[in-house]
N, C-alpha and C. Protein backbone atom coordinates (compact mmCIF):
# COMPACT_ATOMS: atom_id res chain seq x y z
N MET A 1 -81.50 203.75 129.05
CA MET A 1 -80.80 202.78 129.48
C MET A 1 -81.49 202.07 130.38
N TYR A 2 -81.28 200.98 130.83
CA TYR A 2 -82.21 200.17 131.52
C TYR A 2 -81.27 199.88 133.02
N GLN A 3 -81.49 199.68 133.91
CA GLN A 3 -81.10 200.08 135.66
C GLN A 3 -80.55 198.18 135.81
N VAL A 4 -79.95 198.45 136.41
CA VAL A 4 -79.50 197.05 137.21
C VAL A 4 -81.19 196.83 138.00
N GLY A 5 -81.38 195.21 138.20
CA GLY A 5 -82.03 195.05 138.66
C GLY A 5 -83.65 194.40 137.94
N GLU A 6 -83.53 195.41 136.45
CA GLU A 6 -85.00 195.66 136.11
C GLU A 6 -84.78 194.53 134.86
N LEU A 7 -86.01 193.85 134.45
CA LEU A 7 -86.72 192.79 133.67
C LEU A 7 -86.42 193.25 132.17
N VAL A 8 -85.94 192.51 131.48
CA VAL A 8 -86.21 193.12 130.25
C VAL A 8 -86.32 191.92 129.42
N MET A 9 -87.25 191.87 128.04
CA MET A 9 -87.06 190.94 127.09
C MET A 9 -85.91 191.04 126.18
N TYR A 10 -85.27 190.05 126.07
CA TYR A 10 -84.35 190.09 125.19
C TYR A 10 -83.91 188.95 123.71
N GLY A 11 -84.05 189.74 122.56
CA GLY A 11 -83.95 188.92 121.82
C GLY A 11 -84.97 187.65 121.81
N SER A 12 -84.34 186.58 121.55
CA SER A 12 -85.10 185.45 121.52
C SER A 12 -84.77 184.47 122.60
N THR A 13 -84.35 185.31 123.73
CA THR A 13 -83.85 184.64 124.67
C THR A 13 -85.27 184.53 125.54
N GLY A 14 -85.69 185.99 125.89
CA GLY A 14 -87.18 186.09 126.24
C GLY A 14 -86.76 187.03 127.70
N VAL A 15 -87.13 186.87 128.59
CA VAL A 15 -87.22 187.36 130.07
C VAL A 15 -85.21 187.41 130.72
N CYS A 16 -84.99 188.25 130.94
CA CYS A 16 -83.39 188.43 131.27
C CYS A 16 -83.99 189.82 132.60
N ARG A 17 -82.69 189.22 133.33
CA ARG A 17 -82.44 190.53 134.75
C ARG A 17 -80.95 191.17 134.21
N VAL A 18 -81.61 192.46 134.38
CA VAL A 18 -79.86 193.43 133.99
C VAL A 18 -79.35 193.29 135.32
N GLU A 19 -78.18 192.37 135.26
CA GLU A 19 -76.99 192.35 136.61
C GLU A 19 -76.27 193.38 136.67
N ASP A 20 -75.89 193.99 135.24
CA ASP A 20 -74.88 194.87 135.42
C ASP A 20 -75.01 196.15 134.52
N VAL A 21 -74.24 196.86 134.65
CA VAL A 21 -74.07 198.13 133.33
C VAL A 21 -72.69 198.26 133.61
N GLY A 22 -71.71 198.07 132.30
CA GLY A 22 -70.39 198.75 132.94
C GLY A 22 -69.60 197.84 131.80
N HIS A 23 -68.39 197.26 132.14
CA HIS A 23 -67.19 197.02 131.40
C HIS A 23 -67.02 195.63 131.70
N PRO A 24 -67.73 194.40 131.38
CA PRO A 24 -67.08 193.52 131.86
C PRO A 24 -65.96 192.89 131.56
N GLU A 25 -65.20 192.09 132.41
CA GLU A 25 -63.52 191.52 132.15
C GLU A 25 -63.90 190.49 131.00
N GLY A 26 -63.13 190.55 130.00
CA GLY A 26 -63.01 189.80 129.01
C GLY A 26 -63.60 190.18 127.47
N ILE A 27 -63.83 191.43 128.03
CA ILE A 27 -64.51 192.32 126.29
C ILE A 27 -63.57 193.31 125.90
N SER A 28 -62.81 193.25 125.10
CA SER A 28 -61.72 194.40 125.12
C SER A 28 -61.95 195.70 124.44
N ASP A 29 -63.56 195.89 124.28
CA ASP A 29 -64.11 197.36 123.88
C ASP A 29 -64.16 197.71 124.98
N LYS A 30 -63.48 198.64 125.43
CA LYS A 30 -63.67 199.28 126.96
C LYS A 30 -63.72 200.85 126.59
N GLU A 31 -64.43 201.01 125.43
CA GLU A 31 -64.68 202.65 125.11
C GLU A 31 -66.88 202.16 125.30
N LYS A 32 -67.19 200.97 125.29
CA LYS A 32 -68.77 200.86 124.99
C LYS A 32 -69.08 200.33 126.36
N LEU A 33 -70.09 200.98 126.77
CA LEU A 33 -70.82 200.36 127.73
C LEU A 33 -71.88 198.82 127.53
N TYR A 34 -71.55 198.19 128.56
CA TYR A 34 -72.33 196.74 128.02
C TYR A 34 -73.24 196.03 129.30
N TYR A 35 -74.32 195.67 128.91
CA TYR A 35 -75.69 195.17 129.83
C TYR A 35 -75.08 193.47 130.23
N THR A 36 -74.95 193.52 131.19
CA THR A 36 -74.81 191.82 131.83
C THR A 36 -75.85 191.63 131.80
N LEU A 37 -77.05 190.42 131.24
CA LEU A 37 -78.00 190.22 131.36
C LEU A 37 -77.72 188.59 131.78
N ALA A 38 -79.07 188.01 132.82
CA ALA A 38 -79.07 186.90 133.25
C ALA A 38 -80.35 186.47 133.32
N PRO A 39 -80.36 185.50 131.65
CA PRO A 39 -82.07 184.81 131.55
C PRO A 39 -82.57 184.44 132.89
N VAL A 40 -83.77 184.54 133.01
CA VAL A 40 -84.74 184.24 134.22
C VAL A 40 -84.40 182.88 134.06
N TYR A 41 -85.15 182.31 133.06
CA TYR A 41 -85.23 180.58 132.89
C TYR A 41 -83.99 179.88 132.18
N ASP A 42 -82.83 180.34 132.07
CA ASP A 42 -81.64 179.68 131.74
C ASP A 42 -80.73 180.18 132.41
N LYS A 43 -79.39 179.31 132.45
CA LYS A 43 -78.21 179.42 133.14
C LYS A 43 -77.09 180.13 132.44
N GLU A 44 -77.13 180.67 131.07
CA GLU A 44 -76.22 181.75 131.09
C GLU A 44 -76.09 183.09 131.08
N VAL A 45 -75.42 183.72 130.83
CA VAL A 45 -74.94 185.05 130.97
C VAL A 45 -74.59 185.67 129.58
N ILE A 46 -75.57 187.00 129.59
CA ILE A 46 -75.49 187.75 128.07
C ILE A 46 -74.43 188.98 128.26
N TYR A 47 -73.86 189.16 127.46
CA TYR A 47 -73.07 190.61 127.37
C TYR A 47 -73.75 190.98 126.20
N THR A 48 -74.09 192.35 126.27
CA THR A 48 -74.35 192.88 124.98
C THR A 48 -74.02 194.15 125.64
N PRO A 49 -74.15 195.36 124.15
CA PRO A 49 -73.61 197.15 124.13
C PRO A 49 -75.04 197.53 124.53
N VAL A 50 -74.77 198.52 125.54
CA VAL A 50 -76.22 199.37 125.79
C VAL A 50 -76.64 199.57 124.35
N ASP A 51 -75.97 199.78 123.37
CA ASP A 51 -76.90 200.22 122.46
C ASP A 51 -76.92 199.76 121.35
N THR A 52 -77.17 198.27 121.54
CA THR A 52 -77.14 196.85 120.69
C THR A 52 -78.65 197.36 119.94
N LYS A 53 -78.37 196.20 118.66
CA LYS A 53 -79.79 196.29 117.72
C LYS A 53 -80.39 195.32 118.17
N ALA A 54 -80.08 194.51 118.69
CA ALA A 54 -80.62 193.60 119.14
C ALA A 54 -82.17 193.85 119.94
N PHE A 55 -83.08 192.97 119.79
CA PHE A 55 -84.82 193.65 120.54
C PHE A 55 -84.30 193.40 121.90
N MET A 56 -84.93 194.64 122.55
CA MET A 56 -85.29 194.65 123.66
C MET A 56 -86.20 195.58 124.65
N ARG A 57 -86.53 195.31 125.34
CA ARG A 57 -87.91 195.68 125.93
C ARG A 57 -87.93 195.68 127.27
N PRO A 58 -88.74 196.24 128.22
CA PRO A 58 -89.06 196.21 129.60
C PRO A 58 -90.13 194.94 129.30
N VAL A 59 -89.94 194.70 130.38
CA VAL A 59 -91.28 193.54 130.77
C VAL A 59 -92.57 194.09 130.78
N MET A 60 -93.81 193.40 130.00
CA MET A 60 -95.22 194.13 130.61
C MET A 60 -95.30 194.25 131.93
N SER A 61 -96.28 195.39 132.26
CA SER A 61 -96.78 195.11 133.56
C SER A 61 -97.76 193.86 133.64
N ARG A 62 -98.23 194.10 135.06
CA ARG A 62 -99.56 192.76 135.11
C ARG A 62 -100.69 193.31 134.81
N THR A 63 -101.08 194.75 134.80
CA THR A 63 -102.09 195.29 134.12
C THR A 63 -102.02 194.60 132.78
N ASP A 64 -100.98 194.87 131.91
CA ASP A 64 -101.05 194.58 130.38
C ASP A 64 -100.98 193.10 130.36
N ALA A 65 -100.42 192.42 131.09
CA ALA A 65 -100.52 191.02 130.89
C ALA A 65 -102.08 190.24 131.08
N GLU A 66 -102.75 191.09 132.25
CA GLU A 66 -104.28 190.44 132.20
C GLU A 66 -104.81 190.79 131.13
N GLN A 67 -104.65 192.00 130.46
CA GLN A 67 -105.47 192.55 129.32
C GLN A 67 -105.08 191.80 128.22
N LEU A 68 -104.09 191.19 128.23
CA LEU A 68 -103.24 190.52 126.67
C LEU A 68 -104.18 189.15 127.05
N ILE A 69 -104.04 188.25 128.10
CA ILE A 69 -105.13 187.26 128.39
C ILE A 69 -106.40 187.40 128.20
N ASP A 70 -107.04 188.59 128.47
CA ASP A 70 -108.48 188.62 128.33
C ASP A 70 -108.86 188.99 126.75
N ARG A 71 -107.69 189.20 125.88
CA ARG A 71 -107.78 189.30 124.29
C ARG A 71 -107.52 188.38 123.84
N ILE A 72 -106.94 187.18 124.28
CA ILE A 72 -106.50 186.04 123.56
C ILE A 72 -108.13 185.52 122.70
N PRO A 73 -108.98 185.47 123.18
CA PRO A 73 -110.01 184.55 122.26
C PRO A 73 -110.30 185.51 121.02
N GLU A 74 -110.46 186.89 121.50
CA GLU A 74 -110.44 187.72 119.75
C GLU A 74 -109.38 187.64 118.89
N ILE A 75 -107.65 187.28 119.33
CA ILE A 75 -107.18 187.12 118.28
C ILE A 75 -107.22 186.10 117.35
N PRO A 76 -107.20 186.60 116.40
CA PRO A 76 -107.51 185.63 114.99
C PRO A 76 -106.44 184.83 114.78
N GLU A 77 -106.46 183.61 114.41
CA GLU A 77 -105.17 182.81 113.59
C GLU A 77 -105.23 182.98 112.04
N GLU A 78 -104.23 183.79 111.83
CA GLU A 78 -104.25 184.15 110.65
C GLU A 78 -103.27 183.36 110.00
N LEU A 79 -102.83 182.54 110.21
CA LEU A 79 -101.57 181.78 109.76
C LEU A 79 -101.82 180.69 108.88
N GLU A 80 -102.16 181.02 107.70
CA GLU A 80 -103.20 179.46 106.78
C GLU A 80 -101.76 178.10 107.19
N ASN A 81 -102.41 177.24 107.32
CA ASN A 81 -101.90 175.89 107.07
C ASN A 81 -101.03 176.05 105.73
N ASN A 82 -99.94 175.48 105.95
CA ASN A 82 -99.03 175.27 104.46
C ASN A 82 -97.92 174.00 104.43
N ARG A 83 -98.37 173.36 103.14
CA ARG A 83 -98.00 171.83 103.64
C ARG A 83 -96.52 171.71 103.46
N ASP A 84 -95.80 172.72 102.66
CA ASP A 84 -94.57 172.99 102.47
C ASP A 84 -93.85 173.15 103.82
N ILE A 85 -92.95 172.02 104.48
CA ILE A 85 -92.71 172.52 105.67
C ILE A 85 -91.68 173.99 106.26
N ARG A 86 -90.79 174.11 104.96
CA ARG A 86 -89.99 175.01 104.69
C ARG A 86 -90.87 176.38 104.76
N MET A 87 -91.82 176.48 103.78
CA MET A 87 -92.57 177.55 103.95
C MET A 87 -93.46 177.98 105.31
N GLN A 88 -93.51 176.60 105.98
CA GLN A 88 -94.37 176.97 107.14
C GLN A 88 -93.60 177.28 108.38
N SER A 89 -92.41 176.66 108.58
CA SER A 89 -91.11 177.32 109.26
C SER A 89 -90.92 178.91 109.25
N GLU A 90 -91.34 179.51 107.68
CA GLU A 90 -90.76 180.59 107.34
C GLU A 90 -91.78 181.94 107.93
N LYS A 91 -92.95 181.28 108.10
CA LYS A 91 -94.14 181.79 108.63
C LYS A 91 -94.18 182.14 110.52
N TYR A 92 -93.66 180.79 110.79
CA TYR A 92 -93.39 180.38 112.04
C TYR A 92 -92.38 181.68 112.58
N ARG A 93 -91.37 181.49 112.17
CA ARG A 93 -90.36 182.26 112.36
C ARG A 93 -90.70 183.73 112.60
N ALA A 94 -91.47 184.20 111.09
CA ALA A 94 -91.91 185.74 110.96
C ALA A 94 -92.46 185.90 112.51
N CYS A 95 -93.32 185.27 112.59
CA CYS A 95 -94.01 185.28 113.61
C CYS A 95 -93.14 185.46 115.37
N LEU A 96 -92.17 184.96 115.27
CA LEU A 96 -91.20 184.72 116.31
C LEU A 96 -90.67 186.15 116.41
N ASN A 97 -90.14 186.66 115.45
CA ASN A 97 -89.33 187.75 115.23
C ASN A 97 -89.80 188.96 114.82
N THR A 98 -91.09 189.04 114.95
CA THR A 98 -91.83 190.38 115.63
C THR A 98 -91.48 190.82 116.85
N HIS A 99 -91.18 189.79 117.76
CA HIS A 99 -91.62 190.19 119.17
C HIS A 99 -92.57 190.48 119.73
N GLU A 100 -93.54 190.41 119.19
CA GLU A 100 -95.16 190.79 119.42
C GLU A 100 -95.62 189.70 120.08
N ASN A 101 -96.16 190.15 121.70
CA ASN A 101 -97.13 189.10 121.81
C ASN A 101 -98.39 188.48 121.46
N GLU A 102 -98.87 189.54 120.68
CA GLU A 102 -100.17 188.63 119.69
C GLU A 102 -100.04 188.15 118.74
N ASP A 103 -98.66 188.01 118.21
CA ASP A 103 -98.34 186.95 117.02
C ASP A 103 -97.84 185.91 117.72
N LEU A 104 -97.35 185.67 118.96
CA LEU A 104 -96.59 184.76 119.85
C LEU A 104 -98.08 183.78 120.09
N ILE A 105 -99.08 184.63 120.57
CA ILE A 105 -100.34 183.81 121.05
C ILE A 105 -101.23 183.15 119.54
N ARG A 106 -100.60 183.77 118.56
CA ARG A 106 -101.35 183.39 117.06
C ARG A 106 -101.09 182.48 116.89
N LEU A 107 -99.64 182.31 116.76
CA LEU A 107 -98.81 180.86 116.75
C LEU A 107 -98.83 179.92 117.27
N ILE A 108 -99.47 180.00 118.99
CA ILE A 108 -99.69 179.09 119.58
C ILE A 108 -100.93 178.46 119.32
N LYS A 109 -101.46 179.41 119.07
CA LYS A 109 -103.23 178.81 118.38
C LYS A 109 -103.45 177.71 117.37
N VAL A 110 -102.47 178.61 116.22
CA VAL A 110 -102.57 178.10 115.29
C VAL A 110 -101.94 176.49 115.21
N VAL A 111 -100.99 176.31 115.97
CA VAL A 111 -100.31 174.90 116.53
C VAL A 111 -101.04 174.06 117.25
N HIS A 112 -101.70 174.36 118.07
CA HIS A 112 -102.48 173.78 118.68
C HIS A 112 -103.80 173.06 117.86
N ARG A 113 -104.60 174.12 117.14
CA ARG A 113 -105.51 173.50 116.24
C ARG A 113 -105.09 172.77 115.44
N LYS A 114 -103.93 172.55 115.09
CA LYS A 114 -103.32 171.89 113.93
C LYS A 114 -103.07 170.64 114.89
N ASN A 115 -102.51 170.38 116.21
CA ASN A 115 -102.16 169.44 116.71
C ASN A 115 -103.41 168.89 117.02
N HIS A 116 -104.76 169.27 117.55
CA HIS A 116 -105.90 168.85 117.75
C HIS A 116 -106.60 168.14 116.32
N ARG A 117 -106.12 168.72 115.33
CA ARG A 117 -106.64 168.00 113.81
C ARG A 117 -105.71 166.50 113.73
N SER A 118 -104.48 166.60 113.88
CA SER A 118 -103.95 165.39 113.86
C SER A 118 -104.19 164.56 114.72
N MET A 119 -104.57 164.68 116.07
CA MET A 119 -104.96 163.83 116.96
C MET A 119 -106.13 162.89 116.26
N LYS A 120 -106.94 164.16 115.98
CA LYS A 120 -107.91 163.02 115.76
C LYS A 120 -107.93 162.36 114.74
N ALA A 121 -107.04 162.60 113.33
CA ALA A 121 -106.57 161.95 112.72
C ALA A 121 -105.65 160.55 112.83
N GLY A 122 -105.64 160.65 114.35
CA GLY A 122 -104.42 158.97 114.74
C GLY A 122 -103.04 160.00 114.52
N ARG A 123 -102.72 161.03 114.30
CA ARG A 123 -101.14 161.47 113.98
C ARG A 123 -100.64 162.34 115.03
N HIS A 124 -99.83 162.37 115.00
CA HIS A 124 -98.87 163.13 116.20
C HIS A 124 -98.31 164.62 115.56
N MET A 125 -98.01 165.72 116.57
CA MET A 125 -97.63 167.05 116.17
C MET A 125 -96.39 166.80 115.20
N GLY A 126 -96.31 167.56 114.40
CA GLY A 126 -95.03 167.27 113.70
C GLY A 126 -93.87 168.34 114.49
N SER A 127 -92.96 167.70 114.10
CA SER A 127 -91.80 168.57 114.98
C SER A 127 -91.61 169.90 114.69
N THR A 128 -91.47 170.40 113.42
CA THR A 128 -91.52 171.48 113.27
C THR A 128 -92.80 172.31 114.16
N ASP A 129 -93.67 171.98 114.09
CA ASP A 129 -94.77 172.51 114.80
C ASP A 129 -94.45 172.52 116.12
N GLN A 130 -94.33 171.64 116.69
CA GLN A 130 -93.83 171.58 118.01
C GLN A 130 -92.46 172.32 118.32
N GLN A 131 -91.68 172.31 117.78
CA GLN A 131 -90.53 173.29 118.34
C GLN A 131 -90.79 174.87 118.29
N TYR A 132 -91.44 175.01 117.27
CA TYR A 132 -91.90 176.55 116.84
C TYR A 132 -92.93 176.88 118.37
N MET A 133 -93.64 175.83 118.33
CA MET A 133 -95.04 176.00 119.57
C MET A 133 -94.26 176.19 120.80
N LYS A 134 -92.87 175.63 121.29
CA LYS A 134 -92.27 175.42 122.24
C LYS A 134 -91.48 176.79 122.18
N ARG A 135 -90.88 177.37 121.28
CA ARG A 135 -90.38 178.49 121.30
C ARG A 135 -91.43 179.53 121.81
N ALA A 136 -92.23 179.68 121.28
CA ALA A 136 -93.56 180.62 121.40
C ALA A 136 -93.88 180.70 122.82
N GLU A 137 -93.97 179.47 123.29
CA GLU A 137 -94.74 179.66 124.78
C GLU A 137 -93.32 179.80 125.56
N LYS A 138 -92.22 179.73 125.14
CA LYS A 138 -91.50 179.98 126.48
C LYS A 138 -90.79 181.36 126.49
N LEU A 139 -91.31 181.96 125.11
CA LEU A 139 -91.27 183.65 125.62
C LEU A 139 -92.28 184.07 126.18
N LEU A 140 -93.74 183.56 125.34
CA LEU A 140 -94.77 184.25 125.88
C LEU A 140 -94.99 183.66 127.24
N TYR A 141 -94.97 182.65 127.87
CA TYR A 141 -95.24 182.54 129.31
C TYR A 141 -94.02 183.06 130.16
N GLY A 142 -93.11 182.88 129.33
CA GLY A 142 -91.88 183.94 130.77
C GLY A 142 -92.08 184.98 131.05
N GLU A 143 -92.65 185.59 129.83
CA GLU A 143 -93.25 186.89 129.94
C GLU A 143 -94.32 187.29 131.27
N LEU A 144 -95.20 185.91 130.52
CA LEU A 144 -96.54 186.09 131.31
C LEU A 144 -96.12 185.52 133.06
N SER A 145 -95.41 185.15 133.20
CA SER A 145 -95.04 184.20 134.75
C SER A 145 -94.83 185.50 135.52
N VAL A 146 -93.31 186.25 135.16
CA VAL A 146 -92.76 187.28 135.59
C VAL A 146 -93.65 188.31 135.78
N ALA A 147 -94.59 188.85 134.82
CA ALA A 147 -95.53 190.09 134.81
C ALA A 147 -96.65 189.59 136.19
N LEU A 148 -96.89 188.50 136.05
CA LEU A 148 -98.06 187.92 136.92
C LEU A 148 -97.43 187.49 138.51
N GLY A 149 -96.52 187.52 138.41
CA GLY A 149 -95.68 186.66 139.65
C GLY A 149 -96.30 185.57 139.95
N ILE A 150 -96.05 184.42 138.97
CA ILE A 150 -96.44 183.14 138.92
C ILE A 150 -95.59 182.15 138.57
N GLY A 151 -95.54 181.04 138.70
CA GLY A 151 -94.31 180.17 138.29
C GLY A 151 -94.89 179.82 136.70
N PHE A 152 -94.27 179.62 136.28
CA PHE A 152 -93.94 178.93 134.37
C PHE A 152 -94.85 178.31 134.15
N ASP A 153 -94.97 177.23 135.48
CA ASP A 153 -95.86 176.08 134.91
C ASP A 153 -97.31 176.53 135.43
N GLN A 154 -97.48 177.70 135.89
CA GLN A 154 -98.79 178.21 136.38
C GLN A 154 -99.72 178.87 135.12
N VAL A 155 -98.86 179.26 134.24
CA VAL A 155 -99.37 180.20 133.22
C VAL A 155 -100.37 179.63 132.56
N GLN A 156 -100.22 178.58 131.90
CA GLN A 156 -101.28 178.04 131.17
C GLN A 156 -102.65 177.85 131.84
N PRO A 157 -102.59 177.35 133.01
CA PRO A 157 -103.65 176.91 134.04
C PRO A 157 -104.73 178.33 134.01
N TYR A 158 -103.60 179.29 134.17
CA TYR A 158 -104.08 180.55 134.64
C TYR A 158 -104.86 181.39 133.64
N ILE A 159 -104.45 180.97 132.24
CA ILE A 159 -104.89 181.74 131.11
C ILE A 159 -106.17 180.97 130.88
N GLN A 160 -106.00 179.56 131.01
CA GLN A 160 -107.42 178.89 131.23
C GLN A 160 -108.50 179.51 131.79
N LYS A 161 -108.54 179.51 132.82
CA LYS A 161 -109.32 179.72 134.07
C LYS A 161 -109.69 181.78 133.71
N ARG A 162 -109.11 182.31 133.60
CA ARG A 162 -109.36 183.19 133.38
C ARG A 162 -110.25 183.64 132.24
N ILE A 163 -110.00 182.73 131.16
CA ILE A 163 -110.66 182.99 129.92
C ILE A 163 -111.99 182.32 130.18
N ALA A 164 -111.97 180.80 130.79
CA ALA A 164 -113.14 180.61 131.26
C ALA A 164 -114.11 181.35 132.09
N GLY A 165 -113.37 182.05 133.00
CA GLY A 165 -114.35 182.97 133.77
C GLY A 165 -115.07 183.75 133.13
N ALA A 166 -114.11 184.43 132.06
CA ALA A 166 -114.85 185.77 131.35
C ALA A 166 -115.65 184.82 130.50
N GLN A 167 -115.51 183.70 130.11
CA GLN A 167 -116.89 183.35 128.88
C GLN A 167 -118.05 183.17 129.92
N ALA A 168 -117.89 182.74 131.59
CA ALA A 168 -118.91 182.02 131.79
C ALA A 168 -120.00 183.36 132.32
């Protein structure tokens, strides 16, 4: 069971702080304990049973975050491009639903590569690609931000600098 004050990754919301464990007002089931979660990058409040089936895990450590960043160049882009938007969306959704950081990185890398090719051809990034990339970045960068103790908007430059330093 998570303790008050702990940071967790919760479902597709991302990083949340456990604000309380107990019986929140307005929840009729007084038999179950609930987590009160406060998303770090949103303004909502989430109530979820302690025994929830929703994805939940502790936020990675700083060491794990740095090791993950160091592995980014090695993570293959295994998502092939599909012209059928529904099929491509399904592949992107599957990456998000694994809740694995390597899959989020893979998705971000694929969309960045697609966007680069589109820009060279004088086109804009597709809305589906943009939507899924933003969701993947929110989850990945949110966790890295907390693990590294830096601002959300500092994550991408931090990654670029760390990878460039490793390749030098």
